Amino acid sequence: MALSSTKVVRLTFTTAGGKTFAITIDNPKENLQLTEAMAAMNSLISSDIFLTPSGALTGVRDIKVIDTTTNDLYDPPQA
């Protein structure tokens, strides 16, 4: 039984085909600022390194820092 915490940042983009594409990055730096995240996303868009099923990345859709706490109540016995 253990309590664990994880944090990710999810960067969501719009694509040329009108869909969305998300990248999730583990362990973002503490106190990540909007300007830093926007600069990184705009850099990814302008570098054109991702080709999704619905086309190239064209814009910023959303940025979320997600902090999850898990309370594992039961650990099964080891065989």
Protein backbone atom coordinates (compact mmCIF):
# COMPACT_ATOMS: atom_id res chain seq x y z
CA MET A 1 0.00 0.00 0.00
CA ALA A 2 1.42 3.30 -1.06
CA LEU A 3 0.54 6.83 -1.97
CA SER A 4 2.14 8.08 -5.19
CA SER A 5 1.95 11.32 -7.12
CA THR A 6 2.68 11.99 -10.78
CA LYS A 7 2.70 15.21 -12.77
CA VAL A 8 2.53 15.67 -16.54
CA VAL A 9 2.03 18.53 -18.94
CA ARG A 10 -0.31 17.88 -21.87
CA LEU A 11 0.24 20.05 -24.94
CA THR A 12 -2.69 19.91 -27.36
CA PHE A 13 -2.39 21.20 -30.92
CA THR A 14 -4.77 21.71 -33.82
CA THR A 15 -3.88 20.01 -37.09
CA ALA A 16 -4.23 20.84 -40.78
CA GLY A 17 -7.12 18.34 -40.98
CA GLY A 18 -9.11 20.13 -38.27
CA LYS A 19 -8.43 17.53 -35.57
CA THR A 20 -6.39 17.69 -32.37
CA PHE A 21 -3.06 16.08 -31.47
CA ALA A 22 -1.69 15.88 -27.91
CA ILE A 23 1.78 15.32 -26.52
CA THR A 24 2.14 14.36 -22.86
CA ILE A 25 5.44 15.03 -21.10
CA ASP A 26 6.28 13.50 -17.71
CA ASN A 27 7.71 15.53 -14.85
CA PRO A 28 7.46 19.09 -16.14
CA LYS A 29 9.60 21.65 -14.36
CA GLU A 30 8.11 23.26 -11.28
CA ASN A 31 6.37 26.61 -11.89
CA LEU A 32 6.13 26.12 -15.64
CA GLN A 33 4.96 29.43 -17.11
CA LEU A 34 2.47 29.93 -19.92
CA THR A 35 5.02 31.86 -22.00
CA GLU A 36 7.51 28.96 -21.79
CA ALA A 37 4.92 26.37 -22.82
CA MET A 38 3.65 28.56 -25.67
CA ALA A 39 7.20 29.12 -26.94
CA ALA A 40 7.87 25.37 -26.93
CA MET A 41 4.60 24.63 -28.74
CA ASN A 42 5.19 27.33 -31.35
CA SER A 43 8.68 25.95 -31.90
CA LEU A 44 7.25 22.46 -32.49
CA ILE A 45 4.68 23.88 -34.92
CA SER A 46 7.24 25.90 -36.91
CA SER A 47 9.78 23.05 -37.03
CA ASP A 48 7.15 20.81 -38.70
CA ILE A 49 8.66 17.62 -37.21
CA PHE A 50 5.34 15.90 -36.40
CA LEU A 51 3.12 14.49 -39.10
CA THR A 52 -0.14 13.27 -37.60
CA PRO A 53 -2.83 11.19 -39.31
CA SER A 54 -4.75 14.44 -39.81
CA GLY A 55 -1.79 16.47 -41.10
CA ALA A 56 0.78 18.90 -39.77
CA LEU A 57 0.44 20.82 -36.51
CA THR A 58 -1.08 24.24 -37.18
CA GLY A 59 -1.92 25.86 -33.85
CA VAL A 60 -2.06 25.76 -30.06
CA ARG A 61 -5.30 24.31 -28.70
CA ASP A 62 -4.69 23.75 -24.97
CA ILE A 63 -2.02 23.42 -22.26
CA LYS A 64 -2.68 21.53 -19.04
CA VAL A 65 -0.48 20.58 -16.09
CA ILE A 66 -2.06 17.47 -14.59
CA ASP A 67 -1.15 16.36 -11.07
CA THR A 68 -2.47 12.91 -10.09
CA THR A 69 -2.33 11.31 -6.66
CA THR A 70 -2.92 7.54 -6.44
CA ASN A 71 -3.67 5.72 -3.23
CA ASP A 72 -2.87 2.03 -3.84
CA LEU A 73 -5.04 0.29 -1.23
CA TYR A 74 -4.12 -3.29 -2.03
CA ASP A 75 -0.92 -4.99 -3.14
CA PRO A 76 -1.50 -8.57 -4.35
CA PRO A 77 0.66 -11.27 -2.77
CA GLN A 78 3.82 -12.16 -4.67
CA ALA A 79 3.98 -15.69 -6.10
